[in-house]
Amino acid sequence: MTASSPVRLAGVVDMTPRGLMLIEGEGMRWRLVGDVIAAHLIGKPVTFEGTIVAAAITAYYLAPARETSPC
């Protein structure tokens, strides 16, 4: 299977028995693969970029989500 075009998603990183997962606001779960270090972001909102292959995303960018202004 070939990789898709790059995507940017937002969600929360969670550690599961299968490894790191990105959980989007609607509940969609993506298994994270790649060399991105995410242990310090578990349980926190993140912005994520990568390519989707089946139910996994090969990561190339992961960072804390920026908080939006209440104004």
PDB file of N, CA and C in Angstrom:
ATOM      1  N   MET A   1       0.845  -1.177   0.000  1.00  0.00           N
ATOM      2  CA  MET A   1       0.000   0.000   0.000  1.00  0.00           C
ATOM      3  C   MET A   1       0.890   1.240   0.000  1.00  0.00           C
ATOM      4  N   THR A   2       0.545   2.235  -0.792  1.00  0.00           N
ATOM      5  CA  THR A   2       1.329   3.456  -0.845  1.00  0.00           C
ATOM      6  C   THR A   2       0.774   4.488   0.126  1.00  0.00           C
ATOM      7  N   ALA A   3       1.622   5.410   0.537  1.00  0.00           N
ATOM      8  CA  ALA A   3       1.225   6.455   1.482  1.00  0.00           C
ATOM      9  C   ALA A   3       0.394   7.508   0.768  1.00  0.00           C
ATOM     10  N   SER A   4      -0.464   8.161   1.540  1.00  0.00           N
ATOM     11  CA  SER A   4      -1.293   9.232   1.000  1.00  0.00           C
ATOM     12  C   SER A   4      -0.547  10.561   1.062  1.00  0.00           C
ATOM     13  N   SER A   5      -1.216  11.610   0.645  1.00  0.00           N
ATOM     14  CA  SER A   5      -0.660  12.953   0.748  1.00  0.00           C
ATOM     15  C   SER A   5      -0.526  13.339   2.212  1.00  0.00           C
ATOM     16  N   PRO A   6       0.350  14.284   2.520  1.00  0.00           N
ATOM     17  CA  PRO A   6       0.499  14.730   3.907  1.00  0.00           C
ATOM     18  C   PRO A   6      -0.804  15.315   4.448  1.00  0.00           C
ATOM     19  N   VAL A   7      -1.054  15.069   5.736  1.00  0.00           N
ATOM     20  CA  VAL A   7      -2.231  15.604   6.418  1.00  0.00           C
ATOM     21  C   VAL A   7      -1.793  16.321   7.680  1.00  0.00           C
ATOM     22  N   ARG A   8      -2.601  17.277   8.131  1.00  0.00           N
ATOM     23  CA  ARG A   8      -2.390  17.942   9.417  1.00  0.00           C
ATOM     24  C   ARG A   8      -3.637  17.684  10.249  1.00  0.00           C
ATOM     25  N   LEU A   9      -3.433  17.134  11.444  1.00  0.00           N
ATOM     26  CA  LEU A   9      -4.532  16.797  12.339  1.00  0.00           C
ATOM     27  C   LEU A   9      -4.286  17.406  13.713  1.00  0.00           C
ATOM     28  N   ALA A  10      -5.349  17.501  14.489  1.00  0.00           N
ATOM     29  CA  ALA A  10      -5.241  17.948  15.870  1.00  0.00           C
ATOM     30  C   ALA A  10      -5.937  16.922  16.741  1.00  0.00           C
ATOM     31  N   GLY A  11      -5.406  16.711  17.923  1.00  0.00           N
ATOM     32  CA  GLY A  11      -5.997  15.748  18.837  1.00  0.00           C
ATOM     33  C   GLY A  11      -5.185  15.667  20.105  1.00  0.00           C
ATOM     34  N   VAL A  12      -5.325  14.529  20.791  1.00  0.00           N
ATOM     35  CA  VAL A  12      -4.609  14.272  22.036  1.00  0.00           C
ATOM     36  C   VAL A  12      -3.824  12.981  21.864  1.00  0.00           C
ATOM     37  N   VAL A  13      -2.586  12.980  22.325  1.00  0.00           N
ATOM     38  CA  VAL A  13      -1.748  11.781  22.260  1.00  0.00           C
ATOM     39  C   VAL A  13      -2.060  10.900  23.470  1.00  0.00           C
ATOM     40  N   ASP A  14      -2.199   9.590  23.223  1.00  0.00           N
ATOM     41  CA  ASP A  14      -2.485   8.632  24.295  1.00  0.00           C
ATOM     42  C   ASP A  14      -1.565   7.426  24.125  1.00  0.00           C
ATOM     43  N   MET A  15      -1.142   6.840  25.243  1.00  0.00           N
ATOM     44  CA  MET A  15      -0.359   5.605  25.199  1.00  0.00           C
ATOM     45  C   MET A  15      -1.320   4.444  25.393  1.00  0.00           C
ATOM     46  N   THR A  16      -1.304   3.507  24.466  1.00  0.00           N
ATOM     47  CA  THR A  16      -2.171   2.333  24.531  1.00  0.00           C
ATOM     48  C   THR A  16      -1.293   1.082  24.511  1.00  0.00           C
ATOM     49  N   PRO A  17      -1.872  -0.081  24.743  1.00  0.00           N
ATOM     50  CA  PRO A  17      -1.089  -1.313  24.653  1.00  0.00           C
ATOM     51  C   PRO A  17      -0.451  -1.513  23.270  1.00  0.00           C
ATOM     52  N   ARG A  18      -1.023  -0.896  22.234  1.00  0.00           N
ATOM     53  CA  ARG A  18      -0.473  -1.013  20.874  1.00  0.00           C
ATOM     54  C   ARG A  18       0.519   0.089  20.562  1.00  0.00           C
ATOM     55  N   GLY A  19       0.759   0.996  21.494  1.00  0.00           N
ATOM     56  CA  GLY A  19       1.689   2.084  21.268  1.00  0.00           C
ATOM     57  C   GLY A  19       0.988   3.430  21.300  1.00  0.00           C
ATOM     58  N   LEU A  20       1.676   4.459  20.794  1.00  0.00           N
ATOM     59  CA  LEU A  20       1.120   5.805  20.802  1.00  0.00           C
ATOM     60  C   LEU A  20      -0.028   5.928  19.810  1.00  0.00           C
ATOM     61  N   MET A  21      -1.071   6.645  20.235  1.00  0.00           N
ATOM     62  CA  MET A  21      -2.228   6.901  19.391  1.00  0.00           C
ATOM     63  C   MET A  21      -2.536   8.381  19.411  1.00  0.00           C
ATOM     64  N   LEU A  22      -3.038   8.887  18.295  1.00  0.00           N
ATOM     65  CA  LEU A  22      -3.576  10.236  18.221  1.00  0.00           C
ATOM     66  C   LEU A  22      -5.086  10.089  18.218  1.00  0.00           C
ATOM     67  N   ILE A  23      -5.755  10.740  19.163  1.00  0.00           N
ATOM     68  CA  ILE A  23      -7.208  10.680  19.249  1.00  0.00           C
ATOM     69  C   ILE A  23      -7.757  12.044  18.867  1.00  0.00           C
ATOM     70  N   GLU A  24      -8.476  12.092  17.745  1.00  0.00           N
ATOM     71  CA  GLU A  24      -9.068  13.339  17.284  1.00  0.00           C
ATOM     72  C   GLU A  24     -10.315  13.659  18.111  1.00  0.00           C
ATOM     73  N   GLY A  25     -10.789  14.896  18.034  1.00  0.00           N
ATOM     74  CA  GLY A  25     -11.946  15.355  18.793  1.00  0.00           C
ATOM     75  C   GLY A  25     -13.198  14.532  18.573  1.00  0.00           C
ATOM     76  N   GLU A  26     -13.392  13.993  17.374  1.00  0.00           N
ATOM     77  CA  GLU A  26     -14.572  13.187  17.060  1.00  0.00           C
ATOM     78  C   GLU A  26     -14.415  11.734  17.499  1.00  0.00           C
ATOM     79  N   GLY A  27     -13.259  11.393  18.062  1.00  0.00           N
ATOM     80  CA  GLY A  27     -13.022  10.036  18.539  1.00  0.00           C
ATOM     81  C   GLY A  27     -12.223   9.153  17.596  1.00  0.00           C
ATOM     82  N   MET A  28     -11.908   9.627  16.396  1.00  0.00           N
ATOM     83  CA  MET A  28     -11.094   8.833  15.466  1.00  0.00           C
ATOM     84  C   MET A  28      -9.712   8.612  16.063  1.00  0.00           C
ATOM     85  N   ARG A  29      -9.226   7.383  15.973  1.00  0.00           N
ATOM     86  CA  ARG A  29      -7.925   7.016  16.536  1.00  0.00           C
ATOM     87  C   ARG A  29      -6.971   6.634  15.422  1.00  0.00           C
ATOM     88  N   TRP A  30      -5.745   7.163  15.513  1.00  0.00           N
ATOM     89  CA  TRP A  30      -4.694   6.861  14.554  1.00  0.00           C
ATOM     90  C   TRP A  30      -3.467   6.364  15.309  1.00  0.00           C
ATOM     91  N   ARG A  31      -2.931   5.224  14.895  1.00  0.00           N
ATOM     92  CA  ARG A  31      -1.688   4.728  15.484  1.00  0.00           C
ATOM     93  C   ARG A  31      -0.542   5.552  14.912  1.00  0.00           C
ATOM     94  N   LEU A  32       0.324   6.047  15.798  1.00  0.00           N
ATOM     95  CA  LEU A  32       1.447   6.877  15.375  1.00  0.00           C
ATOM     96  C   LEU A  32       2.680   6.017  15.161  1.00  0.00           C
ATOM     97  N   VAL A  33       3.295   6.151  14.002  1.00  0.00           N
ATOM     98  CA  VAL A  33       4.543   5.450  13.699  1.00  0.00           C
ATOM     99  C   VAL A  33       5.542   6.481  13.201  1.00  0.00           C
ATOM    100  N   GLY A  34       6.794   6.185  13.317  1.00  0.00           N
ATOM    101  CA  GLY A  34       7.830   7.113  12.876  1.00  0.00           C
ATOM    102  C   GLY A  34       8.779   7.438  14.009  1.00  0.00           C
ATOM    103  N   ASP A  35       9.663   8.380  13.763  1.00  0.00           N
ATOM    104  CA  ASP A  35      10.712   8.708  14.719  1.00  0.00           C
ATOM    105  C   ASP A  35      10.403   9.912  15.601  1.00  0.00           C
ATOM    106  N   VAL A  36       9.168  10.413  15.579  1.00  0.00           N
ATOM    107  CA  VAL A  36       8.810  11.577  16.379  1.00  0.00           C
ATOM    108  C   VAL A  36       8.704  11.173  17.846  1.00  0.00           C
ATOM    109  N   ILE A  37       9.337  11.935  18.729  1.00  0.00           N
ATOM    110  CA  ILE A  37       9.290  11.672  20.176  1.00  0.00           C
ATOM    111  C   ILE A  37       8.048  12.349  20.745  1.00  0.00           C
ATOM    112  N   ALA A  38       7.178  11.569  21.403  1.00  0.00           N
ATOM    113  CA  ALA A  38       5.909  12.122  21.871  1.00  0.00           C
ATOM    114  C   ALA A  38       5.608  11.821  23.329  1.00  0.00           C
ATOM    115  N   ALA A  39       6.487  11.130  24.049  1.00  0.00           N
ATOM    116  CA  ALA A  39       6.186  10.732  25.430  1.00  0.00           C
ATOM    117  C   ALA A  39       5.845  11.928  26.315  1.00  0.00           C
ATOM    118  N   HIS A  40       6.496  13.066  26.109  1.00  0.00           N
ATOM    119  CA  HIS A  40       6.240  14.247  26.932  1.00  0.00           C
ATOM    120  C   HIS A  40       4.911  14.928  26.589  1.00  0.00           C
ATOM    121  N   LEU A  41       4.246  14.474  25.512  1.00  0.00           N
ATOM    122  CA  LEU A  41       2.978  15.070  25.088  1.00  0.00           C
ATOM    123  C   LEU A  41       1.762  14.188  25.385  1.00  0.00           C
ATOM    124  N   ILE A  42       1.955  13.053  26.047  1.00  0.00           N
ATOM    125  CA  ILE A  42       0.843  12.153  26.342  1.00  0.00           C
ATOM    126  C   ILE A  42      -0.187  12.883  27.197  1.00  0.00           C
ATOM    127  N   GLY A  43      -1.439  12.815  26.759  1.00  0.00           N
ATOM    128  CA  GLY A  43      -2.543  13.454  27.455  1.00  0.00           C
ATOM    129  C   GLY A  43      -2.724  14.926  27.138  1.00  0.00           C
ATOM    130  N   LYS A  44      -1.917  15.462  26.234  1.00  0.00           N
ATOM    131  CA  LYS A  44      -1.977  16.888  25.904  1.00  0.00           C
ATOM    132  C   LYS A  44      -2.449  17.091  24.471  1.00  0.00           C
ATOM    133  N   PRO A  45      -3.105  18.235  24.199  1.00  0.00           N
ATOM    134  CA  PRO A  45      -3.509  18.544  22.824  1.00  0.00           C
ATOM    135  C   PRO A  45      -2.286  18.810  21.952  1.00  0.00           C
ATOM    136  N   VAL A  46      -2.322  18.280  20.736  1.00  0.00           N
ATOM    137  CA  VAL A  46      -1.195  18.430  19.811  1.00  0.00           C
ATOM    138  C   VAL A  46      -1.677  18.759  18.405  1.00  0.00           C
ATOM    139  N   THR A  47      -0.762  19.278  17.609  1.00  0.00           N
ATOM    140  CA  THR A  47      -0.920  19.391  16.169  1.00  0.00           C
ATOM    141  C   THR A  47       0.051  18.390  15.574  1.00  0.00           C
ATOM    142  N   PHE A  48      -0.406  17.675  14.561  1.00  0.00           N
ATOM    143  CA  PHE A  48       0.342  16.549  14.046  1.00  0.00           C
ATOM    144  C   PHE A  48       0.340  16.581  12.527  1.00  0.00           C
ATOM    145  N   GLU A  49       1.482  16.295  11.919  1.00  0.00           N
ATOM    146  CA  GLU A  49       1.557  16.163  10.464  1.00  0.00           C
ATOM    147  C   GLU A  49       2.212  14.836  10.114  1.00  0.00           C
ATOM    148  N   GLY A  50       1.709  14.221   9.066  1.00  0.00           N
ATOM    149  CA  GLY A  50       2.260  12.958   8.616  1.00  0.00           C
ATOM    150  C   GLY A  50       1.495  12.445   7.416  1.00  0.00           C
ATOM    151  N   THR A  51       1.774  11.212   7.034  1.00  0.00           N
ATOM    152  CA  THR A  51       1.072  10.570   5.928  1.00  0.00           C
ATOM    153  C   THR A  51       0.335   9.351   6.456  1.00  0.00           C
ATOM    154  N   ILE A  52      -0.884   9.157   5.955  1.00  0.00           N
ATOM    155  CA  ILE A  52      -1.740   8.061   6.409  1.00  0.00           C
ATOM    156  C   ILE A  52      -1.474   6.823   5.570  1.00  0.00           C
ATOM    157  N   VAL A  53      -1.275   5.702   6.259  1.00  0.00           N
ATOM    158  CA  VAL A  53      -1.178   4.396   5.630  1.00  0.00           C
ATOM    159  C   VAL A  53      -2.067   3.473   6.451  1.00  0.00           C
ATOM    160  N   ALA A  54      -3.209   3.066   5.875  1.00  0.00           N
ATOM    161  CA  ALA A  54      -4.216   2.269   6.575  1.00  0.00           C
ATOM    162  C   ALA A  54      -4.697   3.041   7.808  1.00  0.00           C
ATOM    163  N   ALA A  55      -4.594   2.459   9.019  1.00  0.00           N
ATOM    164  CA  ALA A  55      -5.045   3.134  10.244  1.00  0.00           C
ATOM    165  C   ALA A  55      -3.875   3.729  11.018  1.00  0.00           C
ATOM    166  N   ALA A  56      -2.758   3.926  10.347  1.00  0.00           N
ATOM    167  CA  ALA A  56      -1.574   4.487  11.002  1.00  0.00           C
ATOM    168  C   ALA A  56      -1.149   5.759  10.288  1.00  0.00           C
ATOM    169  N   ILE A  57      -0.468   6.626  11.034  1.00  0.00           N
ATOM    170  CA  ILE A  57       0.096   7.833  10.457  1.00  0.00           C
ATOM    171  C   ILE A  57       1.595   7.813  10.697  1.00  0.00           C
ATOM    172  N   THR A  58       2.350   7.923   9.617  1.00  0.00           N
ATOM    173  CA  THR A  58       3.794   8.045   9.731  1.00  0.00           C
ATOM    174  C   THR A  58       4.092   9.509  10.011  1.00  0.00           C
ATOM    175  N   ALA A  59       4.623   9.748  11.195  1.00  0.00           N
ATOM    176  CA  ALA A  59       4.790  11.116  11.682  1.00  0.00           C
ATOM    177  C   ALA A  59       6.056  11.760  11.163  1.00  0.00           C
ATOM    178  N   TYR A  60       5.964  13.041  10.843  1.00  0.00           N
ATOM    179  CA  TYR A  60       7.166  13.829  10.619  1.00  0.00           C
ATOM    180  C   TYR A  60       7.131  15.137  11.391  1.00  0.00           C
ATOM    181  N   TYR A  61       5.998  15.465  12.036  1.00  0.00           N
ATOM    182  CA  TYR A  61       5.912  16.678  12.850  1.00  0.00           C
ATOM    183  C   TYR A  61       4.861  16.470  13.934  1.00  0.00           C
ATOM    184  N   LEU A  62       5.199  16.810  15.170  1.00  0.00           N
ATOM    185  CA  LEU A  62       4.276  16.719  16.297  1.00  0.00           C
ATOM    186  C   LEU A  62       4.669  17.789  17.292  1.00  0.00           C
ATOM    187  N   ALA A  63       3.727  18.642  17.667  1.00  0.00           N
ATOM    188  CA  ALA A  63       4.022  19.737  18.589  1.00  0.00           C
ATOM    189  C   ALA A  63       2.788  20.038  19.430  1.00  0.00           C
ATOM    190  N   PRO A  64       2.991  20.645  20.613  1.00  0.00           N
ATOM    191  CA  PRO A  64       1.841  21.041  21.423  1.00  0.00           C
ATOM    192  C   PRO A  64       0.941  21.981  20.619  1.00  0.00           C
ATOM    193  N   ALA A  65      -0.380  21.800  20.775  1.00  0.00           N
ATOM    194  CA  ALA A  65      -1.330  22.672  20.077  1.00  0.00           C
ATOM    195  C   ALA A  65      -1.286  24.057  20.705  1.00  0.00           C
ATOM    196  N   ARG A  66      -1.427  25.050  19.863  1.00  0.00           N
ATOM    197  CA  ARG A  66      -1.487  26.420  20.366  1.00  0.00           C
ATOM    198  C   ARG A  66      -2.886  26.678  20.914  1.00  0.00           C
ATOM    199  N   GLU A  67      -2.925  27.307  22.073  1.00  0.00           N
ATOM    200  CA  GLU A  67      -4.212  27.651  22.645  1.00  0.00           C
ATOM    201  C   GLU A  67      -4.797  28.833  21.886  1.00  0.00           C
ATOM    202  N   THR A  68      -6.118  28.771  21.674  1.00  0.00           N
ATOM    203  CA  THR A  68      -6.762  29.885  20.996  1.00  0.00           C
ATOM    204  C   THR A  68      -7.146  30.948  22.014  1.00  0.00           C
ATOM    205  N   SER A  69      -7.155  32.163  21.570  1.00  0.00           N
ATOM    206  CA  SER A  69      -7.494  33.284  22.427  1.00  0.00           C
ATOM    207  C   SER A  69      -8.994  33.281  22.738  1.00  0.00           C
ATOM    208  N   PRO A  70      -9.380  33.541  23.995  1.00  0.00           N
ATOM    209  CA  PRO A  70     -10.809  33.576  24.320  1.00  0.00           C
ATOM    210  C   PRO A  70     -11.497  34.826  23.779  1.00  0.00           C
ATOM    211  N   CYS A  71     -10.761  35.750  23.210  1.00  0.00           N
ATOM    212  CA  CYS A  71     -11.349  37.005  22.689  1.00  0.00           C
ATOM    213  C   CYS A  71     -11.867  36.839  21.285  1.00  0.00           C
TER     214      CYS A  71
END
